[in-house]
């Protein structure tokens, strides 16, 4: 099993390219199931989750062809062809490894009229039930059944034969990104219109809607909390570029800050990471916006923060762990409150092994800045937690060894290569 070794203390400096967004890619890939024509996705990151989702699409009868790219290039081009679905079931063996697999439920249901999908797995960061996915799909006409760890969804019989969703109205009681994505993909080919209220507004939702529009969908209100969808008979193929990864960019911005460095994050859309950049500025980090990049420069001691995670445009839960690591070096006490997931502080004991002073009470963590952190063997527990340990290692004295780095490979494209290029002393080693 691989480990990542970091010898901390180096100031990071230079240009760092931002890859395509993992969370957007895993939402756009199932769109290929909605049409019998090719969907080509550009700027697709090289990640384990992307490879895993491609395998799931193959299981359903879709082909996934990747254009050749040079080893030194980031991103890939994938063409998905689902001329005919050979299966409407997403099996447990695949779905248990990746929570995003639930996003095939809506597209299979819309395309084939019925779908059977295993309950999902993914990061162990709390209870993330799919009840909102199911209630939203039910509101636009799906008939649902749960048994033996699977959910089976069927569209009602249409007058002309076959099964097709009718469309409808649903208001989410709380904002849900995944459920919004699923119901939007299901509704675009419904017989009638659909109105989705209190929809998630994350940039990845906007990216999904824009891709679907490029495929012929009719969606109004993109980027707002109310989406109006007029169902169409069929979608066509398209070529679409995956948006840049705002979470990856925010993570590397924290790397610049915690090492007292300066990084130009190339290829990022600053509008998609407004709350992250605002929090960094409040911590005393200099932010400079350019046409196609964001420059992040540490200037003086980091200042403590009070942050609460929230749906977009609020502070992203996917940035909480990285900010916690960064604030371990702040001059004072910071308060972080996690409102999205109830079990997202599993990185705290590992940071404590490196000298962090953190107290957790319920969903609130108090982080008291320390002058010095020390390298240690630590273990990643989930994707973003693993990045917090990398950040702490960059600022710590001595060597940090991060194990279970398969979590990192799910969401950060060639991390050690990118960090090495801007001055980090970091390498991947295999234990055989």
Protein backbone atom coordinates (compact mmCIF):
# COMPACT_ATOMS: atom_id res chain seq x y z
CA UNK A 1 0.00 0.00 0.00
CA UNK A 2 1.28 3.47 -0.89
CA UNK A 3 2.23 6.20 1.55
CA UNK A 4 3.12 9.84 0.98
CA UNK A 5 6.22 11.18 2.72
CA UNK A 6 6.55 14.91 3.34
CA UNK A 7 9.55 16.69 4.78
CA UNK A 8 8.03 19.98 5.88
CA UNK A 9 9.26 23.52 6.17
CA UNK A 10 9.56 24.52 2.51
CA UNK A 11 7.88 27.70 1.31
CA UNK A 12 5.73 26.97 -1.75
CA UNK A 13 6.06 29.31 -4.71
CA UNK A 14 5.14 29.24 -8.39
CA UNK A 15 2.30 28.36 -10.77
CA UNK A 16 0.08 25.39 -10.05
CA UNK A 17 -2.46 24.10 -12.63
CA UNK A 18 -5.98 23.29 -11.42
CA UNK A 19 -7.60 20.15 -12.79
CA UNK A 20 -11.18 19.49 -13.82
CA UNK A 21 -13.59 19.22 -10.90
CA UNK A 22 -14.08 15.74 -9.47
CA UNK A 23 -17.56 16.57 -8.17
CA UNK A 24 -18.60 17.97 -11.55
CA UNK A 25 -17.08 15.08 -13.51
CA UNK A 26 -18.99 12.47 -11.51
CA UNK A 27 -22.20 14.40 -12.21
CA UNK A 28 -21.59 14.88 -15.93
CA UNK A 29 -20.57 11.30 -16.70
CA UNK A 30 -24.04 9.81 -16.03
CA UNK A 31 -25.49 12.30 -18.52
CA UNK A 32 -24.06 9.98 -21.17
CA UNK A 33 -26.76 7.45 -20.22
CA UNK A 34 -29.51 9.88 -21.24
CA UNK A 35 -28.82 9.67 -24.98
CA UNK A 36 -27.93 7.11 -27.62
CA UNK A 37 -25.49 9.61 -29.13
CA UNK A 38 -21.89 10.23 -27.98
CA UNK A 39 -21.19 12.60 -25.09
CA UNK A 40 -17.59 13.85 -25.06
CA UNK A 41 -16.26 15.33 -21.82
CA UNK A 42 -13.06 17.38 -21.88
CA UNK A 43 -10.85 18.36 -18.93
CA UNK A 44 -11.78 15.17 -17.11
CA UNK A 45 -9.40 14.68 -14.15
CA UNK A 46 -7.28 11.55 -13.82
CA UNK A 47 -8.78 10.19 -10.61
CA UNK A 48 -9.67 6.82 -9.13
CA UNK A 49 -13.31 7.88 -8.75
CA UNK A 50 -13.53 8.83 -12.43
CA UNK A 51 -12.10 5.44 -13.40
CA UNK A 52 -14.54 3.73 -11.05
CA UNK A 53 -17.51 5.59 -12.46
CA UNK A 54 -16.39 4.70 -15.97
CA UNK A 55 -16.43 1.04 -14.94
CA UNK A 56 -20.00 1.46 -13.66
CA UNK A 57 -21.07 2.96 -17.01
CA UNK A 58 -19.47 -0.03 -18.76
CA UNK A 59 -21.51 -2.37 -16.55
CA UNK A 60 -24.66 -0.64 -17.79
CA UNK A 61 -23.71 -1.10 -21.44
CA UNK A 62 -22.03 2.24 -22.20
CA UNK A 63 -18.56 2.38 -23.75
CA UNK A 64 -16.01 4.87 -22.42
CA UNK A 65 -13.20 5.77 -24.81
CA UNK A 66 -10.34 7.95 -23.55
CA UNK A 67 -8.28 9.92 -26.03
CA UNK A 68 -4.54 9.58 -25.62
CA UNK A 69 -2.80 12.35 -23.71
CA UNK A 70 0.88 12.76 -22.92
CA UNK A 71 2.00 11.65 -19.46
CA UNK A 72 2.94 15.24 -18.59
CA UNK A 73 -0.54 16.57 -19.35
CA UNK A 74 -3.32 17.00 -16.80
CA UNK A 75 -6.87 16.05 -17.66
CA UNK A 76 -8.30 13.68 -20.23
CA UNK A 77 -10.97 13.54 -22.91
CA UNK A 78 -13.59 10.80 -22.54
CA UNK A 79 -16.34 9.90 -25.02
CA UNK A 80 -19.30 8.00 -23.60
CA UNK A 81 -21.48 6.00 -26.00
CA UNK A 82 -24.65 4.44 -24.62
CA UNK A 83 -26.33 3.35 -27.85
CA UNK A 84 -28.30 0.77 -25.90
CA UNK A 85 -28.34 0.07 -22.19
CA UNK A 86 -27.65 -3.62 -21.58
CA UNK A 87 -28.46 -3.42 -17.87
CA UNK A 88 -30.58 -1.19 -15.65
CA UNK A 89 -28.93 -2.34 -12.41
CA UNK A 90 -26.01 -0.69 -10.62
CA UNK A 91 -24.63 -3.52 -8.47
CA UNK A 92 -23.49 -3.40 -4.87
CA UNK A 93 -19.89 -4.35 -5.63
CA UNK A 94 -19.38 -1.10 -7.54
CA UNK A 95 -21.77 1.26 -5.77
CA UNK A 96 -20.47 0.45 -2.26
CA UNK A 97 -17.09 1.93 -3.15
CA UNK A 98 -18.34 5.30 -4.34
CA UNK A 99 -21.32 7.29 -3.13
CA UNK A 100 -21.64 9.20 -6.41
CA UNK A 101 -22.82 5.97 -8.04
CA UNK A 102 -26.35 6.84 -6.88
CA UNK A 103 -26.33 9.48 -9.63
CA UNK A 104 -27.07 6.83 -12.26
CA UNK A 105 -30.52 6.28 -10.73
CA UNK A 106 -32.17 9.29 -12.38
CA UNK A 107 -30.59 8.85 -15.83
CA UNK A 108 -31.32 5.08 -16.04
CA UNK A 109 -34.90 5.67 -14.91
CA UNK A 110 -35.36 8.43 -17.50
CA UNK A 111 -33.78 6.43 -20.33
CA UNK A 112 -35.09 2.90 -19.66
CA UNK A 113 -38.19 3.55 -17.59
CA UNK A 114 -36.89 1.55 -14.65
CA UNK A 115 -33.71 1.28 -12.59
CA UNK A 116 -32.36 -0.84 -9.75
CA UNK A 117 -29.47 0.70 -7.83
CA UNK A 118 -27.67 -0.49 -4.70
CA UNK A 119 -27.58 1.84 -1.73
CA UNK A 120 -24.31 3.81 -1.93
CA UNK A 121 -21.00 3.85 -0.08
CA UNK A 122 -18.14 6.37 -0.28
CA UNK A 123 -16.37 8.39 2.42
CA UNK A 124 -17.16 7.52 6.03
CA UNK A 125 -18.14 11.05 7.05
CA UNK A 126 -21.51 10.49 8.57
CA UNK A 127 -24.99 9.39 7.71
CA UNK A 128 -25.93 10.55 4.22
CA UNK A 129 -29.32 8.97 3.44
CA UNK A 130 -30.78 9.10 -0.04
CA UNK A 131 -34.33 9.80 1.09
CA UNK A 132 -34.35 13.21 -0.61
CA UNK A 133 -33.30 11.61 -3.91
CA UNK A 134 -36.22 9.22 -3.66
CA UNK A 135 -38.82 11.78 -2.59
CA UNK A 136 -37.83 14.10 -5.43
CA UNK A 137 -38.02 11.29 -8.01
CA UNK A 138 -41.37 10.20 -6.58
CA UNK A 139 -42.69 13.74 -7.00
CA UNK A 140 -42.02 13.63 -10.76
CA UNK A 141 -43.74 10.30 -11.18
CA UNK A 142 -41.40 7.50 -10.08
CA UNK A 143 -42.79 4.42 -8.34
CA UNK A 144 -40.31 3.23 -5.71
CA UNK A 145 -39.53 0.03 -3.88
CA UNK A 146 -36.76 -0.71 -1.37
CA UNK A 147 -35.59 -4.26 -0.68
CA UNK A 148 -32.39 -6.17 0.08
CA UNK A 149 -30.20 -3.07 0.05
CA UNK A 150 -31.43 -1.90 -3.36
CA UNK A 151 -33.83 0.77 -4.54
CA UNK A 152 -35.98 -0.02 -7.57
CA UNK A 153 -37.59 2.88 -9.41
CA UNK A 154 -40.11 2.66 -12.23
CA UNK A 155 -41.75 5.29 -14.40
CA UNK A 156 -45.51 4.89 -15.02
CA UNK A 157 -46.72 3.27 -18.24
CA UNK A 158 -47.20 5.85 -20.99
CA UNK A 159 -50.27 5.97 -23.22
CA UNK A 160 -48.29 5.00 -26.30
CA UNK A 161 -46.49 2.14 -24.59
CA UNK A 162 -43.27 2.06 -22.62
CA UNK A 163 -42.55 3.87 -19.37
CA UNK A 164 -41.96 7.60 -18.98
CA UNK A 165 -41.88 9.98 -16.05
CA UNK A 166 -44.67 12.53 -15.95
CA UNK A 167 -42.87 15.49 -14.40
CA UNK A 168 -44.04 17.37 -11.32
CA UNK A 169 -43.16 19.80 -8.56
CA UNK A 170 -40.90 19.20 -5.56
CA UNK A 171 -39.54 21.48 -2.88
CA UNK A 172 -36.51 20.19 -1.00
CA UNK A 173 -36.96 20.58 2.79
CA UNK A 174 -33.20 21.04 3.01
CA UNK A 175 -30.68 21.70 0.26
CA UNK A 176 -29.21 18.52 -1.24
CA UNK A 177 -26.64 18.63 -4.01
CA UNK A 178 -26.85 14.98 -5.03
CA UNK A 179 -30.63 14.83 -4.91
CA UNK A 180 -30.89 17.98 -7.02
CA UNK A 181 -28.56 16.44 -9.60
CA UNK A 182 -30.51 13.18 -9.71
CA UNK A 183 -33.94 14.72 -10.13
CA UNK A 184 -32.75 17.21 -12.77
CA UNK A 185 -31.28 14.39 -14.88
CA UNK A 186 -34.48 12.40 -14.50
CA UNK A 187 -36.78 15.34 -15.33
CA UNK A 188 -35.19 16.53 -18.57
CA UNK A 189 -36.92 13.83 -20.65
CA UNK A 190 -40.17 13.63 -18.64
CA UNK A 191 -43.44 13.94 -20.54
CA UNK A 192 -44.39 17.19 -18.82
CA UNK A 193 -42.76 20.06 -16.98
CA UNK A 194 -41.06 19.94 -13.59
CA UNK A 195 -40.40 22.62 -10.99
CA UNK A 196 -37.63 22.02 -8.46
CA UNK A 197 -37.65 24.44 -5.52
CA UNK A 198 -34.94 25.02 -2.91
CA UNK A 199 -32.58 23.38 -5.38
CA UNK A 200 -28.86 23.33 -4.65
CA UNK A 201 -26.99 26.18 -6.35
CA UNK A 202 -23.46 24.78 -6.27
CA UNK A 203 -21.31 25.55 -9.34
CA UNK A 204 -21.33 21.82 -10.11
CA UNK A 205 -25.14 21.99 -10.44
CA UNK A 206 -24.75 24.89 -12.86
CA UNK A 207 -22.19 22.85 -14.81
CA UNK A 208 -24.61 19.91 -14.99
CA UNK A 209 -27.47 22.07 -16.22
CA UNK A 210 -25.30 23.69 -18.87
CA UNK A 211 -24.17 20.30 -20.12
CA UNK A 212 -27.77 19.08 -20.29
CA UNK A 213 -28.79 22.21 -22.20
CA UNK A 214 -25.95 21.54 -24.63
CA UNK A 215 -27.56 18.10 -25.11
CA UNK A 216 -30.95 19.65 -25.88
CA UNK A 217 -32.58 19.94 -22.45
CA UNK A 218 -34.81 22.89 -21.62
CA UNK A 219 -33.93 24.27 -18.18
CA UNK A 220 -34.69 27.74 -16.81
CA UNK A 221 -33.40 29.33 -13.60
CA UNK A 222 -29.91 27.83 -13.79
CA UNK A 223 -27.88 29.03 -10.81
CA UNK A 224 -30.98 29.89 -8.75
CA UNK A 225 -32.90 27.93 -6.13
CA UNK A 226 -35.81 27.30 -8.51
CA UNK A 227 -35.29 25.21 -11.63
CA UNK A 228 -38.01 25.02 -14.30
CA UNK A 229 -37.59 22.02 -16.59
CA UNK A 230 -39.65 21.36 -19.69
CA UNK A 231 -39.29 17.72 -20.64
CA UNK A 232 -38.14 16.87 -24.16
CA UNK A 233 -38.62 13.64 -26.10
CA UNK A 234 -34.91 12.92 -26.41
CA UNK A 235 -31.47 14.38 -25.87
CA UNK A 236 -28.62 14.41 -28.38
CA UNK A 237 -24.87 14.16 -28.05
CA UNK A 238 -22.55 17.02 -27.18
CA UNK A 239 -18.99 18.00 -26.35
CA UNK A 240 -18.55 19.69 -22.99
CA UNK A 241 -15.60 20.79 -20.81
CA UNK A 242 -15.67 19.93 -17.10
CA UNK A 243 -15.39 23.02 -14.88
CA UNK A 244 -12.17 23.61 -12.87
CA UNK A 245 -12.05 22.12 -9.38
CA UNK A 246 -12.81 24.82 -6.82
CA UNK A 247 -12.06 22.46 -3.90
CA UNK A 248 -8.67 21.49 -5.29
CA UNK A 249 -7.90 25.17 -5.84
CA UNK A 250 -8.96 26.03 -2.30
CA UNK A 251 -6.80 23.21 -0.93
CA UNK A 252 -3.71 24.51 -2.69
CA UNK A 253 -4.54 28.06 -1.58
CA UNK A 254 -4.38 26.75 1.99
CA UNK A 255 -1.02 25.15 1.13
CA UNK A 256 0.34 28.54 0.13
CA UNK A 257 -0.97 30.12 3.31
CA UNK A 258 0.26 27.47 5.77
CA UNK A 259 3.78 27.45 4.28
CA UNK A 260 4.09 31.25 4.12
CA UNK A 261 4.27 30.95 0.35
CA UNK A 262 2.78 32.36 -2.84
CA UNK A 263 0.99 30.33 -5.51
CA UNK A 264 -0.72 31.26 -8.75
CA UNK A 265 -3.60 28.84 -9.21
CA UNK A 266 -3.98 28.59 -12.97
CA UNK A 267 -7.26 27.80 -14.71
CA UNK A 268 -9.64 28.45 -11.83
CA UNK A 269 -12.87 30.47 -11.90
CA UNK A 270 -12.72 32.77 -8.87
CA UNK A 271 -16.51 33.19 -8.79
CA UNK A 272 -16.94 29.50 -7.95
CA UNK A 273 -14.83 29.81 -4.79
CA UNK A 274 -15.96 33.15 -3.39
CA UNK A 275 -16.51 31.98 0.20
CA UNK A 276 -13.12 30.25 0.30
CA UNK A 277 -11.27 33.31 -1.01
CA UNK A 278 -13.17 35.57 1.39
CA UNK A 279 -12.17 33.37 4.34
CA UNK A 280 -8.54 33.35 3.23
CA UNK A 281 -8.59 37.15 2.98
CA UNK A 282 -10.07 37.34 6.49
CA UNK A 283 -7.15 35.18 7.66
CA UNK A 284 -4.74 37.80 6.33
CA UNK A 285 -3.87 36.10 3.04
CA UNK A 286 -3.43 38.34 0.01
CA UNK A 287 -5.74 37.39 -2.88
CA UNK A 288 -5.14 38.72 -6.39
CA UNK A 289 -7.61 37.87 -9.16
CA UNK A 290 -6.35 37.55 -12.72
CA UNK A 291 -8.12 36.68 -15.96
CA UNK A 292 -7.56 32.93 -15.76
CA UNK A 293 -5.94 32.47 -12.37
CA UNK A 294 -5.91 33.46 -8.71
CA UNK A 295 -2.73 34.45 -6.86
CA UNK A 296 -2.61 33.54 -3.17
CA UNK A 297 0.18 35.02 -1.04
CA UNK A 298 0.80 34.69 2.70
CA UNK A 299 1.64 37.97 4.39
CA UNK A 300 2.46 37.89 8.07
CA UNK A 301 0.91 35.65 10.72
CA UNK A 302 -2.36 33.91 9.87
CA UNK A 303 -5.34 35.37 11.70
CA UNK A 304 -7.93 33.18 13.48
CA UNK A 305 -11.36 32.70 11.93
CA UNK A 306 -14.91 31.77 12.86
CA UNK A 307 -16.41 29.64 10.08
CA UNK A 308 -19.62 27.68 9.61
CA UNK A 309 -20.10 25.29 6.71
CA UNK A 310 -23.18 25.88 4.56
CA UNK A 311 -24.58 25.10 1.11
CA UNK A 312 -23.31 27.28 -1.75
CA UNK A 313 -22.70 30.21 -1.75
CA UNK A 314 -21.67 29.60 1.85
CA UNK A 315 -18.42 28.09 3.09
CA UNK A 316 -18.08 24.59 1.61
CA UNK A 317 -17.99 21.57 3.92
CA UNK A 318 -15.38 20.14 1.54
CA UNK A 319 -12.99 22.93 2.66
CA UNK A 320 -13.47 22.51 6.41
CA UNK A 321 -10.65 20.02 7.02
CA UNK A 322 -8.13 22.01 4.97
CA UNK A 323 -8.92 25.25 6.81
CA UNK A 324 -8.65 23.44 10.12
CA UNK A 325 -5.10 22.37 9.25
CA UNK A 326 -4.21 25.88 8.11
CA UNK A 327 -5.66 27.48 11.26
CA UNK A 328 -3.45 25.25 13.41
CA UNK A 329 -0.78 27.82 12.54
CA UNK A 330 -2.94 30.91 13.17
CA UNK A 331 -2.16 33.44 15.90
CA UNK A 332 -5.14 32.74 18.15
CA UNK A 333 -8.20 30.54 18.52
CA UNK A 334 -10.51 29.71 15.60
CA UNK A 335 -14.00 28.22 15.76
CA UNK A 336 -15.28 25.87 13.05
CA UNK A 337 -18.86 24.60 12.97
CA UNK A 338 -19.84 21.73 10.67
CA UNK A 339 -23.52 21.86 9.72
CA UNK A 340 -23.59 19.54 6.70
CA UNK A 341 -22.21 16.23 8.01
CA UNK A 342 -22.23 15.08 11.60
CA UNK A 343 -19.04 13.01 11.54
CA UNK A 344 -16.52 15.14 9.69
CA UNK A 345 -13.88 15.68 12.37
CA UNK A 346 -12.12 12.33 12.08
CA UNK A 347 -8.91 14.10 11.05
CA UNK A 348 -8.68 15.84 14.45
CA UNK A 349 -6.89 12.99 16.29
CA UNK A 350 -4.38 12.71 13.46
CA UNK A 351 -3.67 16.46 13.49
CA UNK A 352 -3.26 16.20 17.27
CA UNK A 353 -0.50 13.62 16.72
CA UNK A 354 1.37 16.39 14.90
CA UNK A 355 0.97 18.89 17.73
CA UNK A 356 -2.35 20.53 16.90
CA UNK A 357 -4.46 21.90 19.79
CA UNK A 358 -8.08 21.17 18.82
CA UNK A 359 -11.14 20.63 21.01
CA UNK A 360 -14.32 19.19 19.52
CA UNK A 361 -17.73 19.57 21.14
CA UNK A 362 -20.55 18.18 19.02
CA UNK A 363 -20.38 19.84 15.63
CA UNK A 364 -18.04 22.65 16.78
CA UNK A 365 -14.25 22.55 16.84
CA UNK A 366 -12.03 25.11 18.56
CA UNK A 367 -8.59 25.30 16.96
CA UNK A 368 -5.90 27.05 19.01
CA UNK A 369 -2.94 28.01 16.89
CA UNK A 370 0.44 26.55 17.80
CA UNK A 371 3.89 27.86 16.99
CA UNK A 372 5.24 24.50 15.87
CA UNK A 373 3.88 21.29 14.38
CA UNK A 374 5.92 18.11 14.22
CA UNK A 375 5.94 15.43 11.54
CA UNK A 376 4.47 12.07 12.48
CA UNK A 377 2.97 8.91 10.97
CA UNK A 378 -0.73 9.69 10.32
CA UNK A 379 -3.63 7.91 8.66
CA UNK A 380 -6.18 9.37 6.23
CA UNK A 381 -9.84 8.68 7.01
CA UNK A 382 -11.58 10.33 4.05
CA UNK A 383 -10.78 12.41 0.99
CA UNK A 384 -10.66 15.93 2.42
CA UNK A 385 -9.27 14.76 5.78
CA UNK A 386 -6.33 13.26 3.91
CA UNK A 387 -5.62 16.65 2.32
CA UNK A 388 -5.61 18.30 5.76
CA UNK A 389 -2.83 15.93 6.79
CA UNK A 390 -0.83 16.79 3.68
CA UNK A 391 -1.17 20.49 4.51
CA UNK A 392 -0.09 19.95 8.09
CA UNK A 393 2.89 17.93 6.86
CA UNK A 394 3.98 20.76 4.58
CA UNK A 395 4.22 23.09 7.58
CA UNK A 396 5.54 20.61 10.15
CA UNK A 397 9.11 20.12 11.29
CA UNK A 398 10.55 16.78 10.23
CA UNK A 399 8.92 14.00 8.23
CA UNK A 400 5.24 13.18 7.98
CA UNK A 401 4.11 9.83 6.58
CA UNK A 402 0.49 9.76 5.39
CA UNK A 403 -0.98 6.27 4.94
CA UNK A 404 -4.20 5.13 3.22
CA UNK A 405 -3.57 7.64 0.43
CA UNK A 406 -6.09 5.92 -1.82
CA UNK A 407 -8.46 8.49 -0.36
CA UNK A 408 -6.34 11.25 -1.93
CA UNK A 409 -6.29 9.48 -5.27
CA UNK A 410 -10.07 9.76 -5.36
CA UNK A 411 -9.99 13.55 -5.54
CA UNK A 412 -6.55 15.07 -6.24
CA UNK A 413 -4.94 14.55 -9.61
CA UNK A 414 -1.19 13.81 -9.30
CA UNK A 415 -0.94 15.71 -6.02
CA UNK A 416 2.68 15.01 -5.18
CA UNK A 417 3.76 15.99 -8.70
CA UNK A 418 1.96 19.34 -8.48
CA UNK A 419 3.31 20.13 -5.03
CA UNK A 420 6.87 19.09 -5.92
CA UNK A 421 6.83 21.51 -8.84
CA UNK A 422 6.22 24.46 -6.48
CA UNK A 423 8.83 23.54 -3.89
CA UNK A 424 7.43 20.86 -1.63
CA UNK A 425 9.63 17.97 -0.50
CA UNK A 426 7.09 15.23 -1.08
CA UNK A 427 7.16 11.73 -2.55
CA UNK A 428 5.03 8.63 -2.86
CA UNK A 429 6.52 5.36 -1.65
CA UNK A 430 5.17 1.83 -1.86
CA UNK A 431 5.37 -0.67 0.98
CA UNK A 432 5.38 -3.46 -1.54
